[in-house]
C-alpha cells in the first residue's frame, strides 16, 4: 500500500491518508505520519478546514498526528489560537481585530 496515495481504498472516496492531504495544502503547522487516515461521510479532503479548528497561526503551536492513526468522522482538533485571555477585565480578543485595537492590545502583551 502506498502511503503517499491520497485515497487508499480503490473506488472509495470517503477515506484519505492524511500525510499526502496535508502536504499538498498550504498549512505548515499540521503534520501526519504515514498511513494515518481520516474518514468522512461527505468530503474527507476538507479535513484541515472542518476538523482542525482555530488554526490561525498566532500561537506558533502545531498539531502532530502520528503514524497509523485512525481518525473518525466528526473528530475536531481545537488549536490553542481559540483561547482567550482570562486574566484581564474581559475575555474579548481585541488584538485579533487589528487596526487601533491591535496597536493598543498587541497579541504579545495578551496573557495566555
PDB file of N, CA and C in Angstrom:
ATOM      1  N   UNK A   1       0.842  -1.170   0.000  1.00  0.00           N
ATOM      2  CA  UNK A   1       0.000   0.000   0.000  1.00  0.00           C
ATOM      3  C   UNK A   1       0.891   1.239   0.000  1.00  0.00           C
ATOM      4  N   UNK A   2       0.573   2.205  -0.846  1.00  0.00           N
ATOM      5  CA  UNK A   2       1.360   3.419  -0.999  1.00  0.00           C
ATOM      6  C   UNK A   2       0.840   4.494  -0.040  1.00  0.00           C
ATOM      7  N   UNK A   3       1.639   4.884   0.951  1.00  0.00           N
ATOM      8  CA  UNK A   3       1.205   5.878   1.943  1.00  0.00           C
ATOM      9  C   UNK A   3       1.131   7.288   1.376  1.00  0.00           C
ATOM     10  N   UNK A   4       1.636   7.486   0.166  1.00  0.00           N
ATOM     11  CA  UNK A   4       1.576   8.800  -0.473  1.00  0.00           C
ATOM     12  C   UNK A   4       0.351   8.958  -1.370  1.00  0.00           C
ATOM     13  N   UNK A   5      -0.430   7.916  -1.469  1.00  0.00           N
ATOM     14  CA  UNK A   5      -1.647   7.955  -2.273  1.00  0.00           C
ATOM     15  C   UNK A   5      -2.752   8.594  -1.432  1.00  0.00           C
ATOM     16  N   UNK A   6      -3.475   9.572  -1.970  1.00  0.00           N
ATOM     17  CA  UNK A   6      -4.494  10.282  -1.203  1.00  0.00           C
ATOM     18  C   UNK A   6      -5.636   9.363  -0.789  1.00  0.00           C
ATOM     19  N   UNK A   7      -6.208   8.644  -1.725  1.00  0.00           N
ATOM     20  CA  UNK A   7      -7.322   7.741  -1.438  1.00  0.00           C
ATOM     21  C   UNK A   7      -6.790   6.308  -1.380  1.00  0.00           C
ATOM     22  N   UNK A   8      -6.672   5.733  -0.201  1.00  0.00           N
ATOM     23  CA  UNK A   8      -6.029   4.426  -0.065  1.00  0.00           C
ATOM     24  C   UNK A   8      -6.879   3.235  -0.522  1.00  0.00           C
ATOM     25  N   UNK A   9      -8.194   3.415  -0.597  1.00  0.00           N
ATOM     26  CA  UNK A   9      -9.071   2.314  -0.975  1.00  0.00           C
ATOM     27  C   UNK A   9      -9.616   2.580  -2.382  1.00  0.00           C
ATOM     28  N   UNK A  10      -9.373   1.679  -3.273  1.00  0.00           N
ATOM     29  CA  UNK A  10      -9.766   1.843  -4.671  1.00  0.00           C
ATOM     30  C   UNK A  10     -11.276   2.095  -4.790  1.00  0.00           C
ATOM     31  N   UNK A  11     -11.635   3.121  -5.571  1.00  0.00           N
ATOM     32  CA  UNK A  11     -13.019   3.492  -5.864  1.00  0.00           C
ATOM     33  C   UNK A  11     -13.819   3.889  -4.626  1.00  0.00           C
ATOM     34  N   UNK A  12     -13.156   4.295  -3.563  1.00  0.00           N
ATOM     35  CA  UNK A  12     -13.820   4.708  -2.323  1.00  0.00           C
ATOM     36  C   UNK A  12     -13.272   6.082  -1.938  1.00  0.00           C
ATOM     37  N   UNK A  13     -14.117   7.090  -1.959  1.00  0.00           N
ATOM     38  CA  UNK A  13     -13.663   8.475  -1.756  1.00  0.00           C
ATOM     39  C   UNK A  13     -14.015   9.039  -0.381  1.00  0.00           C
ATOM     40  N   UNK A  14     -14.358   8.200   0.581  1.00  0.00           N
ATOM     41  CA  UNK A  14     -14.712   8.682   1.915  1.00  0.00           C
ATOM     42  C   UNK A  14     -13.570   8.563   2.919  1.00  0.00           C
ATOM     43  N   UNK A  15     -12.428   8.079   2.475  1.00  0.00           N
ATOM     44  CA  UNK A  15     -11.268   7.920   3.358  1.00  0.00           C
ATOM     45  C   UNK A  15     -10.028   8.440   2.645  1.00  0.00           C
ATOM     46  N   UNK A  16      -9.223   9.207   3.381  1.00  0.00           N
ATOM     47  CA  UNK A  16      -7.968   9.724   2.827  1.00  0.00           C
ATOM     48  C   UNK A  16      -6.820   9.445   3.779  1.00  0.00           C
ATOM     49  N   UNK A  17      -5.643   9.281   3.200  1.00  0.00           N
ATOM     50  CA  UNK A  17      -4.428   9.297   4.005  1.00  0.00           C
ATOM     51  C   UNK A  17      -4.135  10.766   4.297  1.00  0.00           C
ATOM     52  N   UNK A  18      -3.864  11.086   5.544  1.00  0.00           N
ATOM     53  CA  UNK A  18      -3.676  12.474   5.949  1.00  0.00           C
ATOM     54  C   UNK A  18      -2.350  13.088   5.507  1.00  0.00           C
ATOM     55  N   UNK A  19      -1.295  12.304   5.505  1.00  0.00           N
ATOM     56  CA  UNK A  19       0.010  12.878   5.162  1.00  0.00           C
ATOM     57  C   UNK A  19       0.008  13.520   3.768  1.00  0.00           C
ATOM     58  N   UNK A  20      -0.403  12.832   2.711  1.00  0.00           N
ATOM     59  CA  UNK A  20      -0.404  13.496   1.402  1.00  0.00           C
ATOM     60  C   UNK A  20      -1.416  14.638   1.312  1.00  0.00           C
ATOM     61  N   UNK A  21      -2.536  14.522   2.017  1.00  0.00           N
ATOM     62  CA  UNK A  21      -3.528  15.598   2.007  1.00  0.00           C
ATOM     63  C   UNK A  21      -2.948  16.863   2.614  1.00  0.00           C
ATOM     64  N   UNK A  22      -2.315  16.732   3.774  1.00  0.00           N
ATOM     65  CA  UNK A  22      -1.753  17.893   4.471  1.00  0.00           C
ATOM     66  C   UNK A  22      -0.561  18.464   3.709  1.00  0.00           C
ATOM     67  N   UNK A  23       0.303  17.608   3.206  1.00  0.00           N
ATOM     68  CA  UNK A  23       1.488  18.087   2.479  1.00  0.00           C
ATOM     69  C   UNK A  23       1.122  18.801   1.188  1.00  0.00           C
ATOM     70  N   UNK A  24      -0.021  18.473   0.614  1.00  0.00           N
ATOM     71  CA  UNK A  24      -0.464  19.118  -0.622  1.00  0.00           C
ATOM     72  C   UNK A  24      -1.109  20.478  -0.356  1.00  0.00           C
ATOM     73  N   UNK A  25      -1.440  20.771   0.902  1.00  0.00           N
ATOM     74  CA  UNK A  25      -2.083  22.035   1.256  1.00  0.00           C
ATOM     75  C   UNK A  25      -1.073  23.102   1.604  1.00  0.00           C
ATOM     76  N   UNK A  26      -1.584  24.230   2.080  1.00  0.00           N
ATOM     77  CA  UNK A  26      -0.700  25.348   2.432  1.00  0.00           C
ATOM     78  C   UNK A  26      -0.570  25.545   3.943  1.00  0.00           C
ATOM     79  N   UNK A  27      -1.030  24.589   4.736  1.00  0.00           N
ATOM     80  CA  UNK A  27      -0.912  24.654   6.189  1.00  0.00           C
ATOM     81  C   UNK A  27       0.430  24.046   6.586  1.00  0.00           C
ATOM     82  N   UNK A  28       1.215  24.807   7.338  1.00  0.00           N
ATOM     83  CA  UNK A  28       2.563  24.338   7.672  1.00  0.00           C
ATOM     84  C   UNK A  28       2.707  23.844   9.110  1.00  0.00           C
ATOM     85  N   UNK A  29       1.675  24.008   9.925  1.00  0.00           N
ATOM     86  CA  UNK A  29       1.812  23.608  11.326  1.00  0.00           C
ATOM     87  C   UNK A  29       0.954  22.382  11.688  1.00  0.00           C
ATOM     88  N   UNK A  30       0.482  21.661  10.704  1.00  0.00           N
ATOM     89  CA  UNK A  30      -0.224  20.400  10.932  1.00  0.00           C
ATOM     90  C   UNK A  30       0.541  19.320  10.185  1.00  0.00           C
ATOM     91  N   UNK A  31       0.832  18.215  10.879  1.00  0.00           N
ATOM     92  CA  UNK A  31       1.636  17.139  10.318  1.00  0.00           C
ATOM     93  C   UNK A  31       0.979  15.800  10.633  1.00  0.00           C
ATOM     94  N   UNK A  32       1.166  14.841   9.745  1.00  0.00           N
ATOM     95  CA  UNK A  32       0.655  13.484   9.985  1.00  0.00           C
ATOM     96  C   UNK A  32       1.671  12.475   9.482  1.00  0.00           C
ATOM     97  N   UNK A  33       1.781  11.382  10.218  1.00  0.00           N
ATOM     98  CA  UNK A  33       2.688  10.312   9.830  1.00  0.00           C
ATOM     99  C   UNK A  33       2.074   9.408   8.769  1.00  0.00           C
ATOM    100  N   UNK A  34       2.893   8.540   8.236  1.00  0.00           N
ATOM    101  CA  UNK A  34       2.457   7.619   7.197  1.00  0.00           C
ATOM    102  C   UNK A  34       1.301   6.752   7.679  1.00  0.00           C
ATOM    103  N   UNK A  35       0.397   6.490   6.770  1.00  0.00           N
ATOM    104  CA  UNK A  35      -0.736   5.576   6.932  1.00  0.00           C
ATOM    105  C   UNK A  35      -1.824   6.055   7.901  1.00  0.00           C
ATOM    106  N   UNK A  36      -1.686   7.230   8.468  1.00  0.00           N
ATOM    107  CA  UNK A  36      -2.783   7.761   9.274  1.00  0.00           C
ATOM    108  C   UNK A  36      -3.887   8.184   8.321  1.00  0.00           C
ATOM    109  N   UNK A  37      -5.115   7.844   8.678  1.00  0.00           N
ATOM    110  CA  UNK A  37      -6.207   8.152   7.766  1.00  0.00           C
ATOM    111  C   UNK A  37      -7.382   8.796   8.478  1.00  0.00           C
ATOM    112  N   UNK A  38      -8.209   9.439   7.664  1.00  0.00           N
ATOM    113  CA  UNK A  38      -9.410  10.114   8.142  1.00  0.00           C
ATOM    114  C   UNK A  38     -10.572   9.704   7.250  1.00  0.00           C
ATOM    115  N   UNK A  39     -11.683   9.377   7.878  1.00  0.00           N
ATOM    116  CA  UNK A  39     -12.901   9.026   7.135  1.00  0.00           C
ATOM    117  C   UNK A  39     -13.968  10.068   7.395  1.00  0.00           C
ATOM    118  N   UNK A  40     -14.701  10.434   6.349  1.00  0.00           N
ATOM    119  CA  UNK A  40     -15.756  11.436   6.435  1.00  0.00           C
ATOM    120  C   UNK A  40     -16.890  11.015   5.518  1.00  0.00           C
ATOM    121  N   UNK A  41     -18.111  11.157   5.987  1.00  0.00           N
ATOM    122  CA  UNK A  41     -19.270  10.754   5.196  1.00  0.00           C
ATOM    123  C   UNK A  41     -19.503  11.666   3.994  1.00  0.00           C
ATOM    124  N   UNK A  42     -18.964  12.892   4.040  1.00  0.00           N
ATOM    125  CA  UNK A  42     -19.175  13.836   2.939  1.00  0.00           C
ATOM    126  C   UNK A  42     -17.917  14.033   2.096  1.00  0.00           C
ATOM    127  N   UNK A  43     -16.917  14.735   2.643  1.00  0.00           N
ATOM    128  CA  UNK A  43     -15.715  15.053   1.870  1.00  0.00           C
ATOM    129  C   UNK A  43     -14.491  15.054   2.782  1.00  0.00           C
ATOM    130  N   UNK A  44     -13.745  13.970   2.828  1.00  0.00           N
ATOM    131  CA  UNK A  44     -12.581  13.907   3.724  1.00  0.00           C
ATOM    132  C   UNK A  44     -11.447  14.846   3.327  1.00  0.00           C
ATOM    133  N   UNK A  45     -11.466  15.361   2.108  1.00  0.00           N
ATOM    134  CA  UNK A  45     -10.400  16.275   1.687  1.00  0.00           C
ATOM    135  C   UNK A  45     -10.516  17.633   2.369  1.00  0.00           C
ATOM    136  N   UNK A  46     -11.598  17.881   3.087  1.00  0.00           N
ATOM    137  CA  UNK A  46     -11.792  19.134   3.822  1.00  0.00           C
ATOM    138  C   UNK A  46     -11.334  19.035   5.276  1.00  0.00           C
ATOM    139  N   UNK A  47     -10.530  18.036   5.585  1.00  0.00           N
ATOM    140  CA  UNK A  47     -10.068  17.775   6.950  1.00  0.00           C
ATOM    141  C   UNK A  47      -9.498  19.017   7.629  1.00  0.00           C
ATOM    142  N   UNK A  48      -8.621  19.745   6.952  1.00  0.00           N
ATOM    143  CA  UNK A  48      -7.945  20.884   7.568  1.00  0.00           C
ATOM    144  C   UNK A  48      -8.890  22.031   7.900  1.00  0.00           C
ATOM    145  N   UNK A  49      -9.970  22.188   7.159  1.00  0.00           N
ATOM    146  CA  UNK A  49     -10.904  23.272   7.443  1.00  0.00           C
ATOM    147  C   UNK A  49     -12.061  22.844   8.337  1.00  0.00           C
ATOM    148  N   UNK A  50     -12.502  21.605   8.227  1.00  0.00           N
ATOM    149  CA  UNK A  50     -13.635  21.130   9.014  1.00  0.00           C
ATOM    150  C   UNK A  50     -13.243  20.530  10.357  1.00  0.00           C
ATOM    151  N   UNK A  51     -12.023  20.059  10.483  1.00  0.00           N
ATOM    152  CA  UNK A  51     -11.649  19.292  11.674  1.00  0.00           C
ATOM    153  C   UNK A  51     -10.504  19.879  12.490  1.00  0.00           C
ATOM    154  N   UNK A  52      -9.750  20.792  11.924  1.00  0.00           N
ATOM    155  CA  UNK A  52      -8.682  21.473  12.666  1.00  0.00           C
ATOM    156  C   UNK A  52      -9.141  22.916  12.836  1.00  0.00           C
ATOM    157  N   UNK A  53      -9.712  23.201  13.997  1.00  0.00           N
ATOM    158  CA  UNK A  53     -10.374  24.481  14.227  1.00  0.00           C
ATOM    159  C   UNK A  53      -9.462  25.507  14.902  1.00  0.00           C
ATOM    160  N   UNK A  54      -9.685  26.766  14.582  1.00  0.00           N
ATOM    161  CA  UNK A  54      -8.971  27.906  15.170  1.00  0.00           C
ATOM    162  C   UNK A  54      -7.467  27.842  14.917  1.00  0.00           C
ATOM    163  N   UNK A  55      -7.098  27.412  13.740  1.00  0.00           N
ATOM    164  CA  UNK A  55      -5.684  27.316  13.385  1.00  0.00           C
ATOM    165  C   UNK A  55      -5.261  28.594  12.660  1.00  0.00           C
ATOM    166  N   UNK A  56      -5.153  29.689  13.412  1.00  0.00           N
ATOM    167  CA  UNK A  56      -4.840  30.987  12.838  1.00  0.00           C
ATOM    168  C   UNK A  56      -3.337  31.242  12.725  1.00  0.00           C
ATOM    169  N   UNK A  57      -2.525  30.443  13.393  1.00  0.00           N
ATOM    170  CA  UNK A  57      -1.084  30.620  13.333  1.00  0.00           C
ATOM    171  C   UNK A  57      -0.547  31.667  14.286  1.00  0.00           C
ATOM    172  N   UNK A  58      -1.370  32.170  15.182  1.00  0.00           N
ATOM    173  CA  UNK A  58      -0.941  33.222  16.104  1.00  0.00           C
ATOM    174  C   UNK A  58      -0.054  32.659  17.208  1.00  0.00           C
ATOM    175  N   UNK A  59      -0.416  31.523  17.741  1.00  0.00           N
ATOM    176  CA  UNK A  59       0.269  30.974  18.917  1.00  0.00           C
ATOM    177  C   UNK A  59       1.611  30.324  18.603  1.00  0.00           C
ATOM    178  N   UNK A  60       1.833  29.952  17.356  1.00  0.00           N
ATOM    179  CA  UNK A  60       3.072  29.271  16.997  1.00  0.00           C
ATOM    180  C   UNK A  60       3.061  27.786  17.315  1.00  0.00           C
ATOM    181  N   UNK A  61       1.926  27.257  17.747  1.00  0.00           N
ATOM    182  CA  UNK A  61       1.819  25.835  18.071  1.00  0.00           C
ATOM    183  C   UNK A  61       1.500  25.009  16.830  1.00  0.00           C
ATOM    184  N   UNK A  62       1.630  23.699  16.970  1.00  0.00           N
ATOM    185  CA  UNK A  62       1.364  22.823  15.833  1.00  0.00           C
ATOM    186  C   UNK A  62       0.660  21.559  16.294  1.00  0.00           C
ATOM    187  N   UNK A  63       0.102  20.865  15.346  1.00  0.00           N
ATOM    188  CA  UNK A  63      -0.591  19.605  15.589  1.00  0.00           C
ATOM    189  C   UNK A  63       0.202  18.503  14.903  1.00  0.00           C
ATOM    190  N   UNK A  64       0.554  17.465  15.662  1.00  0.00           N
ATOM    191  CA  UNK A  64       1.283  16.324  15.117  1.00  0.00           C
ATOM    192  C   UNK A  64       0.448  15.069  15.325  1.00  0.00           C
ATOM    193  N   UNK A  65       0.088  14.433  14.235  1.00  0.00           N
ATOM    194  CA  UNK A  65      -0.655  13.175  14.264  1.00  0.00           C
ATOM    195  C   UNK A  65       0.350  12.094  13.893  1.00  0.00           C
ATOM    196  N   UNK A  66       0.438  11.065  14.700  1.00  0.00           N
ATOM    197  CA  UNK A  66       1.439  10.024  14.484  1.00  0.00           C
ATOM    198  C   UNK A  66       1.138   9.115  13.304  1.00  0.00           C
ATOM    199  N   UNK A  67       1.935   8.073  13.169  1.00  0.00           N
ATOM    200  CA  UNK A  67       1.739   7.059  12.128  1.00  0.00           C
ATOM    201  C   UNK A  67       0.622   6.105  12.543  1.00  0.00           C
ATOM    202  N   UNK A  68      -0.067   5.557  11.571  1.00  0.00           N
ATOM    203  CA  UNK A  68      -1.082   4.516  11.760  1.00  0.00           C
ATOM    204  C   UNK A  68      -2.226   4.946  12.681  1.00  0.00           C
ATOM    205  N   UNK A  69      -2.606   6.210  12.629  1.00  0.00           N
ATOM    206  CA  UNK A  69      -3.737   6.703  13.419  1.00  0.00           C
ATOM    207  C   UNK A  69      -5.007   6.652  12.574  1.00  0.00           C
ATOM    208  N   UNK A  70      -6.103   6.300  13.197  1.00  0.00           N
ATOM    209  CA  UNK A  70      -7.405   6.264  12.531  1.00  0.00           C
ATOM    210  C   UNK A  70      -8.272   7.362  13.138  1.00  0.00           C
ATOM    211  N   UNK A  71      -8.685   8.324  12.324  1.00  0.00           N
ATOM    212  CA  UNK A  71      -9.478   9.450  12.802  1.00  0.00           C
ATOM    213  C   UNK A  71     -10.864   9.367  12.167  1.00  0.00           C
ATOM    214  N   UNK A  72     -11.869   9.328  13.021  1.00  0.00           N
ATOM    215  CA  UNK A  72     -13.246   9.108  12.576  1.00  0.00           C
ATOM    216  C   UNK A  72     -13.929  10.407  12.154  1.00  0.00           C
ATOM    217  N   UNK A  73     -14.989  10.249  11.411  1.00  0.00           N
ATOM    218  CA  UNK A  73     -15.847  11.353  11.012  1.00  0.00           C
ATOM    219  C   UNK A  73     -16.291  12.140  12.250  1.00  0.00           C
ATOM    220  N   UNK A  74     -16.199  13.459  12.177  1.00  0.00           N
ATOM    221  CA  UNK A  74     -16.679  14.307  13.257  1.00  0.00           C
ATOM    222  C   UNK A  74     -15.658  14.691  14.306  1.00  0.00           C
ATOM    223  N   UNK A  75     -14.473  14.085  14.288  1.00  0.00           N
ATOM    224  CA  UNK A  75     -13.439  14.442  15.259  1.00  0.00           C
ATOM    225  C   UNK A  75     -13.006  15.885  15.011  1.00  0.00           C
ATOM    226  N   UNK A  76     -12.825  16.632  16.091  1.00  0.00           N
ATOM    227  CA  UNK A  76     -12.388  18.029  15.992  1.00  0.00           C
ATOM    228  C   UNK A  76     -11.125  18.232  16.819  1.00  0.00           C
ATOM    229  N   UNK A  77     -10.156  18.904  16.229  1.00  0.00           N
ATOM    230  CA  UNK A  77      -8.946  19.321  16.931  1.00  0.00           C
ATOM    231  C   UNK A  77      -9.070  20.825  17.171  1.00  0.00           C
ATOM    232  N   UNK A  78      -9.010  21.238  18.418  1.00  0.00           N
ATOM    233  CA  UNK A  78      -9.114  22.651  18.763  1.00  0.00           C
ATOM    234  C   UNK A  78      -7.698  23.178  18.996  1.00  0.00           C
ATOM    235  N   UNK A  79      -7.258  24.047  18.100  1.00  0.00           N
ATOM    236  CA  UNK A  79      -5.911  24.605  18.220  1.00  0.00           C
ATOM    237  C   UNK A  79      -5.889  25.690  19.300  1.00  0.00           C
ATOM    238  N   UNK A  80      -4.731  25.966  19.892  1.00  0.00           N
ATOM    239  CA  UNK A  80      -4.649  26.907  21.011  1.00  0.00           C
ATOM    240  C   UNK A  80      -4.997  28.346  20.649  1.00  0.00           C
ATOM    241  N   UNK A  81      -5.043  28.683  19.379  1.00  0.00           N
ATOM    242  CA  UNK A  81      -5.398  30.046  18.994  1.00  0.00           C
ATOM    243  C   UNK A  81      -6.845  30.375  19.346  1.00  0.00           C
ATOM    244  N   UNK A  82      -7.630  29.396  19.780  1.00  0.00           N
ATOM    245  CA  UNK A  82      -9.013  29.621  20.189  1.00  0.00           C
ATOM    246  C   UNK A  82      -9.094  30.204  21.591  1.00  0.00           C
ATOM    247  N   UNK A  83      -8.010  30.125  22.353  1.00  0.00           N
ATOM    248  CA  UNK A  83      -8.044  30.600  23.734  1.00  0.00           C
ATOM    249  C   UNK A  83      -8.174  32.111  23.801  1.00  0.00           C
ATOM    250  N   UNK A  84      -8.860  32.566  24.811  1.00  0.00           N
ATOM    251  CA  UNK A  84      -8.988  33.989  25.079  1.00  0.00           C
ATOM    252  C   UNK A  84      -8.268  34.278  26.390  1.00  0.00           C
ATOM    253  N   UNK A  85      -7.698  35.448  26.476  1.00  0.00           N
ATOM    254  CA  UNK A  85      -7.042  35.851  27.727  1.00  0.00           C
ATOM    255  C   UNK A  85      -8.090  35.897  28.837  1.00  0.00           C
ATOM    256  N   UNK A  86      -7.761  35.355  29.984  1.00  0.00           N
ATOM    257  CA  UNK A  86      -8.725  35.311  31.086  1.00  0.00           C
ATOM    258  C   UNK A  86      -8.285  36.107  32.301  1.00  0.00           C
ATOM    259  N   UNK A  87      -7.113  36.725  32.279  1.00  0.00           N
ATOM    260  CA  UNK A  87      -6.622  37.431  33.463  1.00  0.00           C
ATOM    261  C   UNK A  87      -6.999  38.915  33.484  1.00  0.00           C
ATOM    262  N   UNK A  88      -7.570  39.420  32.413  1.00  0.00           N
ATOM    263  CA  UNK A  88      -7.940  40.834  32.357  1.00  0.00           C
ATOM    264  C   UNK A  88      -9.387  41.068  32.758  1.00  0.00           C
ATOM    265  N   UNK A  89      -9.895  42.261  32.428  1.00  0.00           N
ATOM    266  CA  UNK A  89     -11.273  42.592  32.779  1.00  0.00           C
ATOM    267  C   UNK A  89     -12.276  42.043  31.760  1.00  0.00           C
ATOM    268  N   UNK A  90     -11.769  41.528  30.641  1.00  0.00           N
ATOM    269  CA  UNK A  90     -12.641  40.970  29.618  1.00  0.00           C
ATOM    270  C   UNK A  90     -11.928  39.822  28.912  1.00  0.00           C
ATOM    271  N   UNK A  91     -12.685  38.926  28.324  1.00  0.00           N
ATOM    272  CA  UNK A  91     -12.085  37.853  27.523  1.00  0.00           C
ATOM    273  C   UNK A  91     -12.159  38.179  26.036  1.00  0.00           C
ATOM    274  N   UNK A  92     -12.666  39.356  25.694  1.00  0.00           N
ATOM    275  CA  UNK A  92     -12.794  39.738  24.285  1.00  0.00           C
ATOM    276  C   UNK A  92     -11.400  39.901  23.667  1.00  0.00           C
ATOM    277  N   UNK A  93     -11.118  39.263  22.520  1.00  0.00           N
ATOM    278  CA  UNK A  93      -9.771  39.310  21.912  1.00  0.00           C
ATOM    279  C   UNK A  93      -9.572  40.537  21.018  1.00  0.00           C
ATOM    280  N   UNK A  94      -9.490  41.729  21.618  1.00  0.00           N
ATOM    281  CA  UNK A  94      -9.384  42.966  20.857  1.00  0.00           C
ATOM    282  C   UNK A  94      -8.281  42.930  19.801  1.00  0.00           C
ATOM    283  N   UNK A  95      -7.104  42.439  20.148  1.00  0.00           N
ATOM    284  CA  UNK A  95      -5.944  42.483  19.248  1.00  0.00           C
ATOM    285  C   UNK A  95      -6.170  41.707  17.961  1.00  0.00           C
ATOM    286  N   UNK A  96      -6.995  40.684  18.004  1.00  0.00           N
ATOM    287  CA  UNK A  96      -7.243  39.876  16.813  1.00  0.00           C
ATOM    288  C   UNK A  96      -7.862  40.719  15.693  1.00  0.00           C
ATOM    289  N   UNK A  97      -8.609  41.747  16.057  1.00  0.00           N
ATOM    290  CA  UNK A  97      -9.298  42.562  15.066  1.00  0.00           C
ATOM    291  C   UNK A  97      -8.427  43.660  14.480  1.00  0.00           C
ATOM    292  N   UNK A  98      -7.195  43.792  14.972  1.00  0.00           N
ATOM    293  CA  UNK A  98      -6.223  44.689  14.375  1.00  0.00           C
ATOM    294  C   UNK A  98      -6.583  46.166  14.489  1.00  0.00           C
ATOM    295  N   UNK A  99      -6.120  46.937  13.503  1.00  0.00           N
ATOM    296  CA  UNK A  99      -6.297  48.385  13.433  1.00  0.00           C
ATOM    297  C   UNK A  99      -5.899  49.021  14.756  1.00  0.00           C
ATOM    298  N   UNK A 100      -6.691  49.945  15.282  1.00  0.00           N
ATOM    299  CA  UNK A 100      -6.357  50.635  16.540  1.00  0.00           C
ATOM    300  C   UNK A 100      -6.293  49.662  17.714  1.00  0.00           C
ATOM    301  N   UNK A 101      -7.176  48.644  17.705  1.00  0.00           N
ATOM    302  CA  UNK A 101      -7.167  47.663  18.795  1.00  0.00           C
ATOM    303  C   UNK A 101      -5.833  46.918  18.823  1.00  0.00           C
ATOM    304  N   UNK A 102      -5.324  46.581  17.659  1.00  0.00           N
ATOM    305  CA  UNK A 102      -4.062  45.862  17.587  1.00  0.00           C
ATOM    306  C   UNK A 102      -2.886  46.683  18.078  1.00  0.00           C
ATOM    307  N   UNK A 103      -2.974  48.003  17.924  1.00  0.00           N
ATOM    308  CA  UNK A 103      -1.911  48.879  18.396  1.00  0.00           C
ATOM    309  C   UNK A 103      -1.893  48.969  19.920  1.00  0.00           C
ATOM    310  N   UNK A 104      -3.070  48.975  20.526  1.00  0.00           N
ATOM    311  CA  UNK A 104      -3.185  49.129  21.976  1.00  0.00           C
ATOM    312  C   UNK A 104      -3.034  47.789  22.692  1.00  0.00           C
ATOM    313  N   UNK A 105      -3.659  46.748  22.136  1.00  0.00           N
ATOM    314  CA  UNK A 105      -3.631  45.415  22.745  1.00  0.00           C
ATOM    315  C   UNK A 105      -2.893  44.464  21.817  1.00  0.00           C
ATOM    316  N   UNK A 106      -1.581  44.474  21.863  1.00  0.00           N
ATOM    317  CA  UNK A 106      -0.823  43.572  20.994  1.00  0.00           C
ATOM    318  C   UNK A 106      -1.002  42.133  21.432  1.00  0.00           C
ATOM    319  N   UNK A 107      -0.882  41.231  20.505  1.00  0.00           N
ATOM    320  CA  UNK A 107      -1.027  39.806  20.813  1.00  0.00           C
ATOM    321  C   UNK A 107       0.047  39.355  21.782  1.00  0.00           C
ATOM    322  N   UNK A 108       1.215  39.910  21.696  1.00  0.00           N
ATOM    323  CA  UNK A 108       2.309  39.524  22.583  1.00  0.00           C
ATOM    324  C   UNK A 108       2.002  39.923  24.033  1.00  0.00           C
ATOM    325  N   UNK A 109       1.336  41.043  24.240  1.00  0.00           N
ATOM    326  CA  UNK A 109       1.043  41.506  25.583  1.00  0.00           C
ATOM    327  C   UNK A 109      -0.142  40.781  26.203  1.00  0.00           C
ATOM    328  N   UNK A 110      -0.940  40.106  25.406  1.00  0.00           N
ATOM    329  CA  UNK A 110      -2.092  39.433  25.959  1.00  0.00           C
ATOM    330  C   UNK A 110      -1.655  38.208  26.752  1.00  0.00           C
ATOM    331  N   UNK A 111      -2.097  38.074  27.980  1.00  0.00           N
ATOM    332  CA  UNK A 111      -1.748  36.874  28.744  1.00  0.00           C
ATOM    333  C   UNK A 111      -2.481  35.663  28.202  1.00  0.00           C
ATOM    334  N   UNK A 112      -1.822  34.520  28.236  1.00  0.00           N
ATOM    335  CA  UNK A 112      -2.443  33.280  27.721  1.00  0.00           C
ATOM    336  C   UNK A 112      -2.645  32.327  28.872  1.00  0.00           C
TER     337      UNK A 112
END
